[in-house]
Amino acid sequence: MRRLLTTLSVVAIVVMAPLAYGQPESFFDWYGFLQLSGPDNTVGTGGVCRALFDVVQPDPCFPVDTATNEYTVVIDNLSIATVVNMGGGNYRTTWSGGQIRVFEDPLKNADWAAPGTFLEGTLVLIGGPYASFVRIRYATGIGSFGGDFNWTGGTRFDNLPNCQENGWKTFGGLSNRVTLPPGYIEAWDGQFYCNSPIPVNQGTWGSIKSLYR
């Protein structure tokens, strides 16, 4: 699944990144699944993503010991605020709210069928709400998501000035073309970027397909 989701991150960059792309100062890489409280592409439907840090972190702001702990991510309190039907089964939704929590847990027992297991351990980072959050999903089942936020607390919050506390982005690719846990509608392959100039811009599915011809 990770190989497919990594490919989706490339697709997400095509959809959401400008031509001028800078290397982030630091970031955390994760993968997980989205669960909705109601029908998709409907104003008022809530969303929560539960995720795990990848085993190998590129350059985190604090030591990440995946041999001893697992790092779970919960992005919740999201709600669809606007829906744009782009035609052909393609949708662009903006979301309001959003709370981001990262836990460090030596039990290493996260289970998408048991949401409470993602809330165990030490709460190392708290972030949100999002200043903006956009999700684009195409009729093919793939797409991208991204939003801007600040970290606000957690036991590792004091480590963040080495990168910075503000100006972070959630960014990644999505797909329903993988095996999904029951109750989830798509996989998210995401990152939290520090000081990365990646604004959310709408792209076209045709322009993406042309890159792979």
Protein backbone atom coordinates (compact mmCIF):
# COMPACT_ATOMS: atom_id res chain seq x y z
CA MET A 1 0.00 0.00 0.00
CA ARG A 2 2.82 2.43 0.81
CA ARG A 3 4.20 2.23 -2.74
CA LEU A 4 0.82 3.21 -4.17
CA LEU A 5 0.35 5.98 -1.63
CA THR A 6 3.81 7.35 -2.35
CA THR A 7 2.79 7.62 -6.00
CA LEU A 8 -0.29 9.50 -4.87
CA SER A 9 1.89 12.04 -3.06
CA VAL A 10 3.50 12.80 -6.43
CA VAL A 11 0.03 13.25 -7.89
CA ALA A 12 -0.86 15.54 -5.00
CA ILE A 13 2.16 17.73 -5.73
CA VAL A 14 0.98 18.06 -9.32
CA VAL A 15 -2.49 19.08 -8.15
CA MET A 16 -1.56 21.42 -5.35
CA ALA A 17 2.00 22.70 -5.68
CA PRO A 18 3.16 25.73 -7.66
CA LEU A 19 6.02 25.60 -10.14
CA ALA A 20 8.39 27.12 -7.59
CA TYR A 21 8.76 24.43 -4.92
CA GLY A 22 11.02 24.80 -1.90
CA GLN A 23 12.43 22.10 0.35
CA PRO A 24 10.70 22.18 3.76
CA GLU A 25 12.80 22.84 6.84
CA SER A 26 11.38 19.75 8.53
CA PHE A 27 8.43 17.43 8.22
CA PHE A 28 6.66 14.35 9.53
CA ASP A 29 5.46 11.64 7.13
CA TRP A 30 2.38 9.51 7.83
CA TYR A 31 -0.32 7.33 6.26
CA GLY A 32 -3.86 6.56 7.35
CA PHE A 33 -7.55 6.44 6.46
CA LEU A 34 -10.46 8.90 6.33
CA GLN A 35 -13.80 8.22 8.00
CA LEU A 36 -16.90 10.36 7.39
CA SER A 37 -19.91 10.96 9.64
CA GLY A 38 -22.32 11.28 6.71
CA PRO A 39 -22.53 11.37 2.91
CA ASP A 40 -19.46 12.57 1.04
CA ASN A 41 -19.46 15.91 -0.80
CA THR A 42 -22.21 17.21 1.48
CA VAL A 43 -22.02 20.38 3.57
CA GLY A 44 -21.99 19.53 7.27
CA THR A 45 -20.55 16.02 6.97
CA GLY A 46 -17.73 15.56 9.47
CA GLY A 47 -14.43 13.81 8.91
CA VAL A 48 -11.64 12.18 10.91
CA CYS A 49 -8.35 10.76 9.67
CA ARG A 50 -6.47 8.24 11.81
CA ALA A 51 -2.88 7.61 10.81
CA LEU A 52 0.54 6.28 11.76
CA PHE A 53 3.97 7.83 11.33
CA ASP A 54 6.11 6.02 8.79
CA VAL A 55 8.86 3.88 10.28
CA VAL A 56 11.56 6.11 8.77
CA GLN A 57 11.14 9.82 9.37
CA PRO A 58 13.09 12.16 7.06
CA ASP A 59 13.98 15.02 9.43
CA PRO A 60 11.63 15.41 12.38
CA CYS A 61 11.92 18.27 14.87
CA PHE A 62 12.42 15.84 17.76
CA PRO A 63 13.82 12.29 18.00
CA VAL A 64 11.27 9.77 16.72
CA ASP A 65 11.96 6.30 18.12
CA THR A 66 9.80 3.95 16.04
CA ALA A 67 11.66 0.91 17.40
CA THR A 68 10.26 1.57 20.88
CA ASN A 69 7.09 3.55 20.16
CA GLU A 70 4.42 3.97 17.55
CA TYR A 71 3.29 7.48 16.65
CA THR A 72 -0.40 7.86 15.95
CA VAL A 73 -2.04 10.84 14.28
CA VAL A 74 -5.67 11.89 14.72
CA ILE A 75 -7.07 14.71 12.58
CA ASP A 76 -10.67 15.28 13.65
CA ASN A 77 -13.31 17.98 14.13
CA LEU A 78 -13.28 18.56 10.38
CA SER A 79 -16.54 19.52 8.68
CA ILE A 80 -17.31 20.05 5.00
CA ALA A 81 -18.05 23.76 4.54
CA THR A 82 -18.36 24.12 0.76
CA VAL A 83 -18.69 21.75 -2.18
CA VAL A 84 -17.75 22.47 -5.80
CA ASN A 85 -18.90 19.96 -8.40
CA MET A 86 -16.22 20.15 -11.08
CA GLY A 87 -18.18 17.82 -13.37
CA GLY A 88 -17.63 14.23 -14.37
CA GLY A 89 -17.77 12.99 -10.79
CA ASN A 90 -14.90 15.25 -9.67
CA TYR A 91 -15.35 17.30 -6.48
CA ARG A 92 -13.49 20.01 -4.60
CA THR A 93 -14.50 20.46 -0.96
CA THR A 94 -13.31 22.95 1.62
CA TRP A 95 -13.41 21.96 5.28
CA SER A 96 -13.71 24.03 8.45
CA GLY A 97 -12.29 23.31 11.91
CA GLY A 98 -9.74 20.60 12.38
CA GLN A 99 -7.79 19.40 15.42
CA ILE A 100 -4.45 17.61 15.01
CA ARG A 101 -3.02 15.36 17.71
CA VAL A 102 0.11 13.20 17.66
CA PHE A 103 0.61 10.50 20.31
CA GLU A 104 3.74 8.54 21.25
CA ASP A 105 2.71 5.08 22.47
CA PRO A 106 4.98 2.21 23.58
CA LEU A 107 2.05 -0.25 23.39
CA LYS A 108 2.18 -0.17 19.57
CA ASN A 109 -1.36 -1.50 19.31
CA ALA A 110 -3.06 0.94 16.93
CA ASP A 111 -6.06 -0.64 15.21
CA TRP A 112 -8.29 1.23 12.75
CA ALA A 113 -11.22 -0.91 13.93
CA ALA A 114 -10.66 0.38 17.48
CA PRO A 115 -10.39 4.20 17.21
CA GLY A 116 -9.50 4.58 20.89
CA THR A 117 -6.14 2.91 20.31
CA PHE A 118 -5.05 5.97 18.33
CA LEU A 119 -5.54 8.15 21.43
CA GLU A 120 -3.24 6.18 23.76
CA GLY A 121 0.18 7.18 25.01
CA THR A 122 1.76 10.62 25.45
CA LEU A 123 0.21 13.55 23.61
CA VAL A 124 3.36 15.00 22.02
CA LEU A 125 1.85 17.55 19.62
CA ILE A 126 -1.44 19.44 19.33
CA GLY A 127 -2.34 21.61 16.35
CA GLY A 128 -5.18 23.38 14.58
CA PRO A 129 -7.71 24.54 13.73
CA TYR A 130 -6.96 24.84 10.02
CA ALA A 131 -6.88 28.29 8.48
CA SER A 132 -7.92 26.48 5.30
CA PHE A 133 -8.31 22.87 4.26
CA VAL A 134 -9.09 21.65 0.73
CA ARG A 135 -9.75 18.12 -0.53
CA ILE A 136 -9.95 17.30 -4.24
CA ARG A 137 -11.22 13.88 -5.25
CA TYR A 138 -11.63 12.73 -8.82
CA ALA A 139 -14.13 10.21 -10.16
CA THR A 140 -11.24 7.75 -10.50
CA GLY A 141 -10.94 7.63 -6.70
CA ILE A 142 -7.63 9.45 -6.33
CA GLY A 143 -6.90 13.06 -5.46
CA SER A 144 -5.21 15.32 -2.93
CA PHE A 145 -5.71 17.27 0.28
CA GLY A 146 -3.97 20.12 2.07
CA GLY A 147 -4.34 22.85 4.66
CA ASP A 148 -2.54 25.42 6.81
CA PHE A 149 -2.26 25.22 10.60
CA ASN A 150 -0.15 26.05 13.67
CA TRP A 151 1.02 23.78 16.47
CA THR A 152 -0.35 24.90 19.84
CA GLY A 153 0.78 22.39 22.48
CA GLY A 154 1.96 18.93 23.49
CA THR A 155 4.96 17.62 25.40
CA ARG A 156 7.22 18.14 22.36
CA PHE A 157 5.91 21.62 21.61
CA ASP A 158 9.04 23.23 23.09
CA ASN A 159 11.16 21.38 20.50
CA LEU A 160 9.40 23.11 17.64
CA PRO A 161 11.15 26.52 17.77
CA ASN A 162 14.09 24.72 16.15
CA CYS A 163 11.83 24.55 13.08
CA GLN A 164 9.04 26.93 14.00
CA GLU A 165 5.64 26.58 15.59
CA ASN A 166 3.60 28.43 12.98
CA GLY A 167 3.17 28.20 9.24
CA TRP A 168 2.79 24.43 8.97
CA LYS A 169 0.90 22.59 6.25
CA THR A 170 -0.89 19.28 5.98
CA PHE A 171 -0.36 17.93 2.49
CA GLY A 172 -0.76 14.64 0.62
CA GLY A 173 -2.51 12.31 -1.79
CA LEU A 174 -5.61 10.17 -1.37
CA SER A 175 -7.03 7.01 -2.92
CA ASN A 176 -9.85 4.50 -2.55
CA ARG A 177 -7.97 2.04 -4.78
CA VAL A 178 -6.41 0.22 -1.83
CA THR A 179 -7.85 -2.18 0.71
CA LEU A 180 -9.70 -0.03 3.24
CA PRO A 181 -10.58 -0.89 6.83
CA PRO A 182 -14.35 -1.22 7.33
CA GLY A 183 -15.98 2.18 7.84
CA TYR A 184 -13.29 4.20 6.04
CA ILE A 185 -13.73 5.68 2.57
CA GLU A 186 -10.17 6.34 1.37
CA ALA A 187 -6.48 6.16 2.24
CA TRP A 188 -4.48 9.33 2.98
CA ASP A 189 -0.72 9.52 2.43
CA GLY A 190 0.26 12.74 4.15
CA GLN A 191 2.93 14.92 5.62
CA PHE A 192 3.14 17.80 8.08
CA TYR A 193 5.52 20.35 6.55
CA CYS A 194 7.37 23.11 8.36
CA ASN A 195 7.76 26.37 6.44
CA SER A 196 7.05 24.70 3.10
CA PRO A 197 5.71 26.97 0.33
CA ILE A 198 2.95 24.67 -0.94
CA PRO A 199 -0.32 26.61 -1.31
CA VAL A 200 -3.47 24.69 -2.23
CA ASN A 201 -4.31 25.33 -5.86
CA GLN A 202 -6.94 23.63 -7.98
CA GLY A 203 -5.67 21.48 -10.83
CA THR A 204 -7.34 19.53 -13.60
CA TRP A 205 -7.49 15.77 -13.97
CA GLY A 206 -6.61 16.06 -17.65
CA SER A 207 -3.36 17.87 -16.87
CA ILE A 208 -2.39 15.15 -14.41
CA LYS A 209 -3.08 12.31 -16.84
CA SER A 210 -1.00 14.01 -19.52
CA LEU A 211 2.10 13.69 -17.33
CA TYR A 212 1.86 9.88 -17.42
CA ARG A 213 1.25 9.41 -21.15
